[in-house]
């Protein structure tokens, strides 16, 4: 099955701003409280993080995801 995405669509996806959890690096974050333009509380559905701080740097999020996976796997017996 051929990939129907043009190079322009791929570049547009890369430029989109994503929000990342500062604890685990997940993109499954949402506004838990408040208005987006005011001081808001963000919440992560993956790890339960709740706070005003949120990441938009994908490279840093990848590093956080790797560290989170290491910590989670080390906790299991």
Protein backbone atom coordinates (compact mmCIF):
# COMPACT_ATOMS: atom_id res chain seq x y z
CA UNK A 1 0.00 0.00 0.00
CA UNK A 2 1.67 3.25 -1.09
CA UNK A 3 2.16 6.14 1.29
CA UNK A 4 -0.20 8.91 0.12
CA UNK A 5 1.46 11.67 2.15
CA UNK A 6 3.24 14.29 0.11
CA UNK A 7 6.51 15.81 1.34
CA UNK A 8 4.62 19.01 2.21
CA UNK A 9 2.22 17.11 4.48
CA UNK A 10 5.13 15.40 6.21
CA UNK A 11 6.88 18.74 6.80
CA UNK A 12 3.65 20.25 8.16
CA UNK A 13 3.35 17.40 10.66
CA UNK A 14 6.93 17.96 11.80
CA UNK A 15 6.29 21.67 12.39
CA UNK A 16 3.12 21.12 14.45
CA UNK A 17 3.55 21.99 18.10
CA UNK A 18 2.99 19.06 20.42
CA UNK A 19 2.66 19.15 24.18
CA UNK A 20 4.63 16.63 26.24
CA UNK A 21 4.42 15.54 29.86
CA UNK A 22 7.54 16.70 31.77
CA UNK A 23 7.51 13.54 33.89
CA UNK A 24 7.17 10.72 31.34
CA UNK A 25 7.35 12.44 27.91
CA UNK A 26 3.89 11.28 26.81
CA UNK A 27 1.81 13.36 24.40
CA UNK A 28 -1.39 12.25 26.13
CA UNK A 29 -1.76 15.50 28.10
CA UNK A 30 -4.78 17.77 28.44
CA UNK A 31 -5.89 20.92 30.24
CA UNK A 32 -7.13 19.70 33.59
CA UNK A 33 -8.25 23.09 34.82
CA UNK A 34 -8.30 26.73 33.77
CA UNK A 35 -8.21 28.55 30.49
CA UNK A 36 -5.43 27.76 27.99
CA UNK A 37 -4.28 31.39 27.80
CA UNK A 38 -4.16 31.76 31.61
CA UNK A 39 -2.21 29.76 34.21
CA UNK A 40 -3.58 26.32 33.57
CA UNK A 41 -3.12 22.93 35.10
CA UNK A 42 -2.12 20.19 32.72
CA UNK A 43 -2.64 16.51 33.39
CA UNK A 44 -1.03 13.42 31.85
CA UNK A 45 -3.22 10.37 31.32
CA UNK A 46 -0.19 8.05 31.24
CA UNK A 47 1.61 8.86 34.51
CA UNK A 48 -0.87 11.08 36.35
CA UNK A 49 1.34 14.20 36.35
CA UNK A 50 -0.63 17.34 37.15
CA UNK A 51 0.93 20.80 37.04
CA UNK A 52 1.36 24.09 35.22
CA UNK A 53 4.64 23.12 33.53
CA UNK A 54 4.46 21.38 30.12
CA UNK A 55 7.08 20.62 27.45
CA UNK A 56 7.00 21.48 23.77
CA UNK A 57 10.48 20.17 22.90
CA UNK A 58 10.21 16.78 21.16
CA UNK A 59 13.89 15.88 21.61
CA UNK A 60 13.69 16.40 25.36
CA UNK A 61 10.44 14.42 25.47
CA UNK A 62 12.14 11.44 23.78
CA UNK A 63 14.86 11.46 26.44
CA UNK A 64 12.21 11.63 29.17
CA UNK A 65 10.33 8.70 27.62
CA UNK A 66 13.49 6.57 27.66
CA UNK A 67 14.20 7.44 31.30
CA UNK A 68 10.57 6.81 32.26
CA UNK A 69 10.62 3.36 30.65
CA UNK A 70 13.84 2.48 32.49
CA UNK A 71 12.33 3.52 35.84
CA UNK A 72 9.07 1.68 35.21
CA UNK A 73 10.82 -1.54 34.16
CA UNK A 74 13.20 -1.39 37.14
CA UNK A 75 10.25 -1.22 39.56
CA UNK A 76 8.79 -4.50 38.30
CA UNK A 77 10.05 -7.65 40.08
